[in-house]
């Protein structure tokens, strides 16, 4: 289960956060280099995944490719909860995936229908780990990038707080409250994929 909060922020506010070393009782450790991600999303011609509120993504970062299958999200005040399967793999066709729950679910959703690329999202992500009492409780991602949908493109800047195994939703709430002392956080109810698909549908 993925639990994260998404916020629309200004590019300047991302710079403010990147300079912080502490948020309340949480110590912040920034990764030394930003990630440059290419995120490609796939669906069938008749949008079977989208209609079931699933997302299928290949993420290219640091010379490797990760495949992610995300389920429908429950969203409240910017907090997103959803089932997620993620593993190293470079082919979106579930018939090529290793045996397991993700493959079974994808096959049930799309069967043998061919997949086509729908959306591409380029992201420059700076990652900050928030720790409490020597436990890493959350990952704060500072994202700048561009949503590409057909011939349309839209820049974005976004902040995400994702819980790590040692974290709790109270940690997430406390981090968001502490961040509000420094920047304007606007809850983002839609995922990047949903916003990009809206661009595609408006075309």
C-alpha atoms as a PDB file:
ATOM      1  CA  UNK A   1       0.000   0.000   0.000  1.00  0.00           C
ATOM      2  CA  UNK A   2       1.343   3.385  -1.060  1.00  0.00           C
ATOM      3  CA  UNK A   3       0.427   6.268   1.250  1.00  0.00           C
ATOM      4  CA  UNK A   4       1.488   9.743   0.181  1.00  0.00           C
ATOM      5  CA  UNK A   5       0.421  13.364   0.215  1.00  0.00           C
ATOM      6  CA  UNK A   6       0.665  15.438  -2.959  1.00  0.00           C
ATOM      7  CA  UNK A   7       0.833  19.219  -3.022  1.00  0.00           C
ATOM      8  CA  UNK A   8       1.032  21.795  -5.776  1.00  0.00           C
ATOM      9  CA  UNK A   9       3.778  24.277  -4.906  1.00  0.00           C
ATOM     10  CA  UNK A  10       5.731  27.002  -6.633  1.00  0.00           C
ATOM     11  CA  UNK A  11       9.208  26.377  -7.981  1.00  0.00           C
ATOM     12  CA  UNK A  12      10.506  28.949  -5.509  1.00  0.00           C
ATOM     13  CA  UNK A  13       8.958  27.058  -2.602  1.00  0.00           C
ATOM     14  CA  UNK A  14      10.759  23.906  -3.722  1.00  0.00           C
ATOM     15  CA  UNK A  15      14.006  25.847  -3.351  1.00  0.00           C
ATOM     16  CA  UNK A  16      12.993  26.872   0.172  1.00  0.00           C
ATOM     17  CA  UNK A  17      12.382  23.249   1.176  1.00  0.00           C
ATOM     18  CA  UNK A  18      15.629  22.049  -0.390  1.00  0.00           C
ATOM     19  CA  UNK A  19      17.545  24.372   1.953  1.00  0.00           C
ATOM     20  CA  UNK A  20      15.941  23.008   5.145  1.00  0.00           C
ATOM     21  CA  UNK A  21      17.820  20.641   7.447  1.00  0.00           C
ATOM     22  CA  UNK A  22      15.027  20.071   9.974  1.00  0.00           C
ATOM     23  CA  UNK A  23      11.227  20.180  10.221  1.00  0.00           C
ATOM     24  CA  UNK A  24      10.117  20.230  13.842  1.00  0.00           C
ATOM     25  CA  UNK A  25      11.532  17.046  15.411  1.00  0.00           C
ATOM     26  CA  UNK A  26      12.342  15.542  11.997  1.00  0.00           C
ATOM     27  CA  UNK A  27      15.898  15.593  10.649  1.00  0.00           C
ATOM     28  CA  UNK A  28      16.193  15.994   6.876  1.00  0.00           C
ATOM     29  CA  UNK A  29      18.854  14.295   4.756  1.00  0.00           C
ATOM     30  CA  UNK A  30      18.913  15.263   1.074  1.00  0.00           C
ATOM     31  CA  UNK A  31      20.205  12.829  -1.525  1.00  0.00           C
ATOM     32  CA  UNK A  32      23.309  14.326  -3.162  1.00  0.00           C
ATOM     33  CA  UNK A  33      22.060  14.282  -6.769  1.00  0.00           C
ATOM     34  CA  UNK A  34      18.593  14.787  -8.256  1.00  0.00           C
ATOM     35  CA  UNK A  35      16.978  11.998 -10.238  1.00  0.00           C
ATOM     36  CA  UNK A  36      16.115  12.536 -13.883  1.00  0.00           C
ATOM     37  CA  UNK A  37      13.130  10.364 -14.656  1.00  0.00           C
ATOM     38  CA  UNK A  38      11.292   9.452 -17.825  1.00  0.00           C
ATOM     39  CA  UNK A  39       7.875   8.034 -16.948  1.00  0.00           C
ATOM     40  CA  UNK A  40       5.922   6.290 -19.714  1.00  0.00           C
ATOM     41  CA  UNK A  41       2.333   5.182 -19.168  1.00  0.00           C
ATOM     42  CA  UNK A  42       0.505   2.503 -21.137  1.00  0.00           C
ATOM     43  CA  UNK A  43      -3.069   1.395 -21.724  1.00  0.00           C
ATOM     44  CA  UNK A  44      -5.110  -0.592 -24.211  1.00  0.00           C
ATOM     45  CA  UNK A  45      -6.745   1.092 -27.189  1.00  0.00           C
ATOM     46  CA  UNK A  46     -10.097   1.012 -25.381  1.00  0.00           C
ATOM     47  CA  UNK A  47      -8.566   2.333 -22.109  1.00  0.00           C
ATOM     48  CA  UNK A  48      -9.285  -0.741 -19.978  1.00  0.00           C
ATOM     49  CA  UNK A  49      -6.789   0.241 -17.296  1.00  0.00           C
ATOM     50  CA  UNK A  50      -7.972   3.827 -17.108  1.00  0.00           C
ATOM     51  CA  UNK A  51     -11.619   2.796 -16.895  1.00  0.00           C
ATOM     52  CA  UNK A  52     -10.729   0.564 -13.934  1.00  0.00           C
ATOM     53  CA  UNK A  53      -8.730   3.477 -12.428  1.00  0.00           C
ATOM     54  CA  UNK A  54      -5.401   1.657 -12.745  1.00  0.00           C
ATOM     55  CA  UNK A  55      -2.107   3.066 -13.984  1.00  0.00           C
ATOM     56  CA  UNK A  56       0.727   1.136 -15.656  1.00  0.00           C
ATOM     57  CA  UNK A  57       4.081   2.911 -15.752  1.00  0.00           C
ATOM     58  CA  UNK A  58       7.632   2.274 -16.897  1.00  0.00           C
ATOM     59  CA  UNK A  59      10.096   4.573 -15.129  1.00  0.00           C
ATOM     60  CA  UNK A  60      13.597   5.021 -16.543  1.00  0.00           C
ATOM     61  CA  UNK A  61      15.975   6.416 -13.922  1.00  0.00           C
ATOM     62  CA  UNK A  62      19.706   6.055 -13.283  1.00  0.00           C
ATOM     63  CA  UNK A  63      20.159   3.448 -16.005  1.00  0.00           C
ATOM     64  CA  UNK A  64      17.406   1.077 -14.872  1.00  0.00           C
ATOM     65  CA  UNK A  65      13.724   0.593 -15.629  1.00  0.00           C
ATOM     66  CA  UNK A  66      11.056   0.029 -12.981  1.00  0.00           C
ATOM     67  CA  UNK A  67       7.567  -1.202 -13.790  1.00  0.00           C
ATOM     68  CA  UNK A  68       4.731  -0.012 -11.554  1.00  0.00           C
ATOM     69  CA  UNK A  69       1.081  -1.050 -11.502  1.00  0.00           C
ATOM     70  CA  UNK A  70      -1.014   1.292  -9.348  1.00  0.00           C
ATOM     71  CA  UNK A  71      -4.572   0.665  -8.245  1.00  0.00           C
ATOM     72  CA  UNK A  72      -7.466   3.076  -7.649  1.00  0.00           C
ATOM     73  CA  UNK A  73      -6.628   5.833  -5.181  1.00  0.00           C
ATOM     74  CA  UNK A  74      -8.592   6.955  -2.152  1.00  0.00           C
ATOM     75  CA  UNK A  75      -7.971  10.708  -1.890  1.00  0.00           C
ATOM     76  CA  UNK A  76      -8.696  13.029   1.025  1.00  0.00           C
ATOM     77  CA  UNK A  77      -7.134  16.475   1.615  1.00  0.00           C
ATOM     78  CA  UNK A  78      -4.253  15.656  -0.696  1.00  0.00           C
ATOM     79  CA  UNK A  79      -3.605  12.262   0.948  1.00  0.00           C
ATOM     80  CA  UNK A  80      -3.515   9.402  -1.553  1.00  0.00           C
ATOM     81  CA  UNK A  81      -3.813   5.729  -0.564  1.00  0.00           C
ATOM     82  CA  UNK A  82      -3.551   3.044  -3.209  1.00  0.00           C
ATOM     83  CA  UNK A  83      -2.314  -0.487  -3.837  1.00  0.00           C
ATOM     84  CA  UNK A  84       0.975  -0.564  -5.717  1.00  0.00           C
ATOM     85  CA  UNK A  85       3.142  -3.259  -7.297  1.00  0.00           C
ATOM     86  CA  UNK A  86       6.656  -2.305  -8.384  1.00  0.00           C
ATOM     87  CA  UNK A  87       9.602  -4.338  -9.666  1.00  0.00           C
ATOM     88  CA  UNK A  88      12.475  -4.058 -12.180  1.00  0.00           C
ATOM     89  CA  UNK A  89      11.123  -4.875 -15.657  1.00  0.00           C
ATOM     90  CA  UNK A  90      11.278  -3.161 -19.042  1.00  0.00           C
ATOM     91  CA  UNK A  91       8.258  -4.617 -20.879  1.00  0.00           C
ATOM     92  CA  UNK A  92       4.727  -3.371 -20.101  1.00  0.00           C
ATOM     93  CA  UNK A  93       3.126  -6.556 -21.515  1.00  0.00           C
ATOM     94  CA  UNK A  94       1.994  -8.531 -18.430  1.00  0.00           C
ATOM     95  CA  UNK A  95       2.547 -11.805 -20.269  1.00  0.00           C
ATOM     96  CA  UNK A  96       6.287 -11.136 -19.859  1.00  0.00           C
ATOM     97  CA  UNK A  97       6.090 -10.355 -16.125  1.00  0.00           C
ATOM     98  CA  UNK A  98       7.226 -12.802 -13.457  1.00  0.00           C
ATOM     99  CA  UNK A  99       4.477 -14.902 -11.908  1.00  0.00           C
ATOM    100  CA  UNK A 100       2.751 -13.234  -8.976  1.00  0.00           C
ATOM    101  CA  UNK A 101      -0.174 -11.045  -7.888  1.00  0.00           C
ATOM    102  CA  UNK A 102       0.742  -8.129 -10.184  1.00  0.00           C
ATOM    103  CA  UNK A 103       0.768 -10.323 -13.286  1.00  0.00           C
ATOM    104  CA  UNK A 104      -2.486 -12.031 -12.320  1.00  0.00           C
ATOM    105  CA  UNK A 105      -4.181  -8.682 -11.721  1.00  0.00           C
ATOM    106  CA  UNK A 106      -2.948  -7.147 -14.973  1.00  0.00           C
ATOM    107  CA  UNK A 107      -3.991 -10.193 -16.991  1.00  0.00           C
ATOM    108  CA  UNK A 108      -7.450 -10.026 -15.416  1.00  0.00           C
ATOM    109  CA  UNK A 109      -7.707  -6.340 -16.343  1.00  0.00           C
ATOM    110  CA  UNK A 110      -6.455  -6.429 -19.933  1.00  0.00           C
ATOM    111  CA  UNK A 111      -5.983 -10.063 -20.965  1.00  0.00           C
ATOM    112  CA  UNK A 112      -3.974 -10.323 -24.181  1.00  0.00           C
ATOM    113  CA  UNK A 113      -4.995  -6.879 -25.485  1.00  0.00           C
ATOM    114  CA  UNK A 114      -2.009  -4.943 -26.848  1.00  0.00           C
ATOM    115  CA  UNK A 115      -0.737  -1.954 -24.883  1.00  0.00           C
ATOM    116  CA  UNK A 116       0.069   1.461 -26.323  1.00  0.00           C
ATOM    117  CA  UNK A 117       1.928   4.450 -24.836  1.00  0.00           C
ATOM    118  CA  UNK A 118      -0.482   7.173 -23.733  1.00  0.00           C
ATOM    119  CA  UNK A 119       1.442   9.688 -21.635  1.00  0.00           C
ATOM    120  CA  UNK A 120       5.073  10.643 -21.021  1.00  0.00           C
ATOM    121  CA  UNK A 121       6.180  12.618 -17.968  1.00  0.00           C
ATOM    122  CA  UNK A 122       9.706  13.975 -17.600  1.00  0.00           C
ATOM    123  CA  UNK A 123      10.617  14.729 -14.000  1.00  0.00           C
ATOM    124  CA  UNK A 124      13.617  16.150 -12.199  1.00  0.00           C
ATOM    125  CA  UNK A 125      13.205  14.846  -8.643  1.00  0.00           C
ATOM    126  CA  UNK A 126      15.171  15.872  -5.569  1.00  0.00           C
ATOM    127  CA  UNK A 127      14.703  13.424  -2.693  1.00  0.00           C
ATOM    128  CA  UNK A 128      14.877  14.261   1.019  1.00  0.00           C
ATOM    129  CA  UNK A 129      14.604  11.587   3.716  1.00  0.00           C
ATOM    130  CA  UNK A 130      12.866  12.661   6.930  1.00  0.00           C
ATOM    131  CA  UNK A 131      14.031  10.835  10.066  1.00  0.00           C
ATOM    132  CA  UNK A 132      12.648  10.728  13.592  1.00  0.00           C
ATOM    133  CA  UNK A 133      14.645   9.169  16.434  1.00  0.00           C
ATOM    134  CA  UNK A 134      17.051   7.583  13.926  1.00  0.00           C
ATOM    135  CA  UNK A 135      14.188   6.010  11.944  1.00  0.00           C
ATOM    136  CA  UNK A 136      13.565   7.008   8.317  1.00  0.00           C
ATOM    137  CA  UNK A 137       9.834   7.708   8.328  1.00  0.00           C
ATOM    138  CA  UNK A 138       9.108   9.526   5.061  1.00  0.00           C
ATOM    139  CA  UNK A 139      10.502  10.475   1.681  1.00  0.00           C
ATOM    140  CA  UNK A 140       9.917  14.047   0.554  1.00  0.00           C
ATOM    141  CA  UNK A 141      10.129  14.458  -3.222  1.00  0.00           C
ATOM    142  CA  UNK A 142      10.589  17.854  -4.838  1.00  0.00           C
ATOM    143  CA  UNK A 143       9.426  17.462  -8.425  1.00  0.00           C
ATOM    144  CA  UNK A 144       9.801  19.734 -11.428  1.00  0.00           C
ATOM    145  CA  UNK A 145       8.881  18.517 -14.861  1.00  0.00           C
ATOM    146  CA  UNK A 146       6.644  18.469 -17.901  1.00  0.00           C
ATOM    147  CA  UNK A 147       3.507  16.454 -18.652  1.00  0.00           C
ATOM    148  CA  UNK A 148       3.400  15.351 -22.306  1.00  0.00           C
ATOM    149  CA  UNK A 149       0.031  14.305 -23.732  1.00  0.00           C
ATOM    150  CA  UNK A 150      -0.112  13.970 -27.491  1.00  0.00           C
ATOM    151  CA  UNK A 151       0.994  17.318 -28.889  1.00  0.00           C
ATOM    152  CA  UNK A 152       0.263  19.146 -25.632  1.00  0.00           C
ATOM    153  CA  UNK A 153       2.705  19.800 -22.813  1.00  0.00           C
ATOM    154  CA  UNK A 154       2.304  21.378 -19.387  1.00  0.00           C
ATOM    155  CA  UNK A 155       5.029  22.174 -16.834  1.00  0.00           C
ATOM    156  CA  UNK A 156       4.484  21.369 -13.166  1.00  0.00           C
ATOM    157  CA  UNK A 157       6.117  21.719  -9.772  1.00  0.00           C
ATOM    158  CA  UNK A 158       4.963  19.452  -6.979  1.00  0.00           C
ATOM    159  CA  UNK A 159       5.914  18.230  -3.528  1.00  0.00           C
ATOM    160  CA  UNK A 160       5.147  14.694  -2.378  1.00  0.00           C
ATOM    161  CA  UNK A 161       5.508  13.168   1.087  1.00  0.00           C
ATOM    162  CA  UNK A 162       5.493   9.364   0.935  1.00  0.00           C
ATOM    163  CA  UNK A 163       5.502   7.208   4.033  1.00  0.00           C
ATOM    164  CA  UNK A 164       8.321   4.716   4.480  1.00  0.00           C
ATOM    165  CA  UNK A 165       7.788   1.421   6.371  1.00  0.00           C
ATOM    166  CA  UNK A 166       8.814   2.965   9.720  1.00  0.00           C
ATOM    167  CA  UNK A 167       6.483   5.952   9.293  1.00  0.00           C
ATOM    168  CA  UNK A 168       2.848   6.533  10.218  1.00  0.00           C
ATOM    169  CA  UNK A 169       0.135   8.851   8.974  1.00  0.00           C
ATOM    170  CA  UNK A 170       0.719  11.001  12.054  1.00  0.00           C
ATOM    171  CA  UNK A 171       4.289  11.554  10.795  1.00  0.00           C
ATOM    172  CA  UNK A 172       2.939  12.583   7.412  1.00  0.00           C
ATOM    173  CA  UNK A 173       0.509  15.048   8.990  1.00  0.00           C
ATOM    174  CA  UNK A 174       3.217  16.485  11.259  1.00  0.00           C
ATOM    175  CA  UNK A 175       5.612  16.967   8.347  1.00  0.00           C
ATOM    176  CA  UNK A 176       2.953  18.734   6.283  1.00  0.00           C
ATOM    177  CA  UNK A 177       2.080  21.006   9.213  1.00  0.00           C
ATOM    178  CA  UNK A 178       5.750  21.862   9.731  1.00  0.00           C
ATOM    179  CA  UNK A 179       6.204  22.586   6.023  1.00  0.00           C
ATOM    180  CA  UNK A 180       3.312  25.058   6.097  1.00  0.00           C
ATOM    181  CA  UNK A 181       5.402  27.277   8.362  1.00  0.00           C
ATOM    182  CA  UNK A 182       7.744  27.825   5.407  1.00  0.00           C
ATOM    183  CA  UNK A 183       5.719  27.436   2.200  1.00  0.00           C
ATOM    184  CA  UNK A 184       2.208  27.390   0.750  1.00  0.00           C
ATOM    185  CA  UNK A 185       1.010  23.779   0.357  1.00  0.00           C
ATOM    186  CA  UNK A 186      -2.019  23.320  -1.902  1.00  0.00           C
ATOM    187  CA  UNK A 187      -3.434  19.759  -1.737  1.00  0.00           C
ATOM    188  CA  UNK A 188      -3.337  18.120  -5.177  1.00  0.00           C
ATOM    189  CA  UNK A 189      -6.234  15.653  -5.539  1.00  0.00           C
ATOM    190  CA  UNK A 190      -5.136  14.373  -8.956  1.00  0.00           C
ATOM    191  CA  UNK A 191      -2.106  12.287  -9.830  1.00  0.00           C
ATOM    192  CA  UNK A 192       0.294  13.381 -12.562  1.00  0.00           C
ATOM    193  CA  UNK A 193      -1.229  10.708 -14.793  1.00  0.00           C
ATOM    194  CA  UNK A 194      -4.751  12.040 -14.239  1.00  0.00           C
ATOM    195  CA  UNK A 195      -3.659  15.581 -15.047  1.00  0.00           C
ATOM    196  CA  UNK A 196      -1.860  14.450 -18.192  1.00  0.00           C
ATOM    197  CA  UNK A 197      -4.860  12.410 -19.339  1.00  0.00           C
ATOM    198  CA  UNK A 198      -7.048  15.480 -18.845  1.00  0.00           C
ATOM    199  CA  UNK A 199      -4.712  17.341 -21.195  1.00  0.00           C
ATOM    200  CA  UNK A 200      -5.074  14.541 -23.727  1.00  0.00           C
ATOM    201  CA  UNK A 201      -8.861  14.561 -23.496  1.00  0.00           C
ATOM    202  CA  UNK A 202      -8.982  18.351 -23.916  1.00  0.00           C
ATOM    203  CA  UNK A 203      -6.989  18.108 -27.139  1.00  0.00           C
END
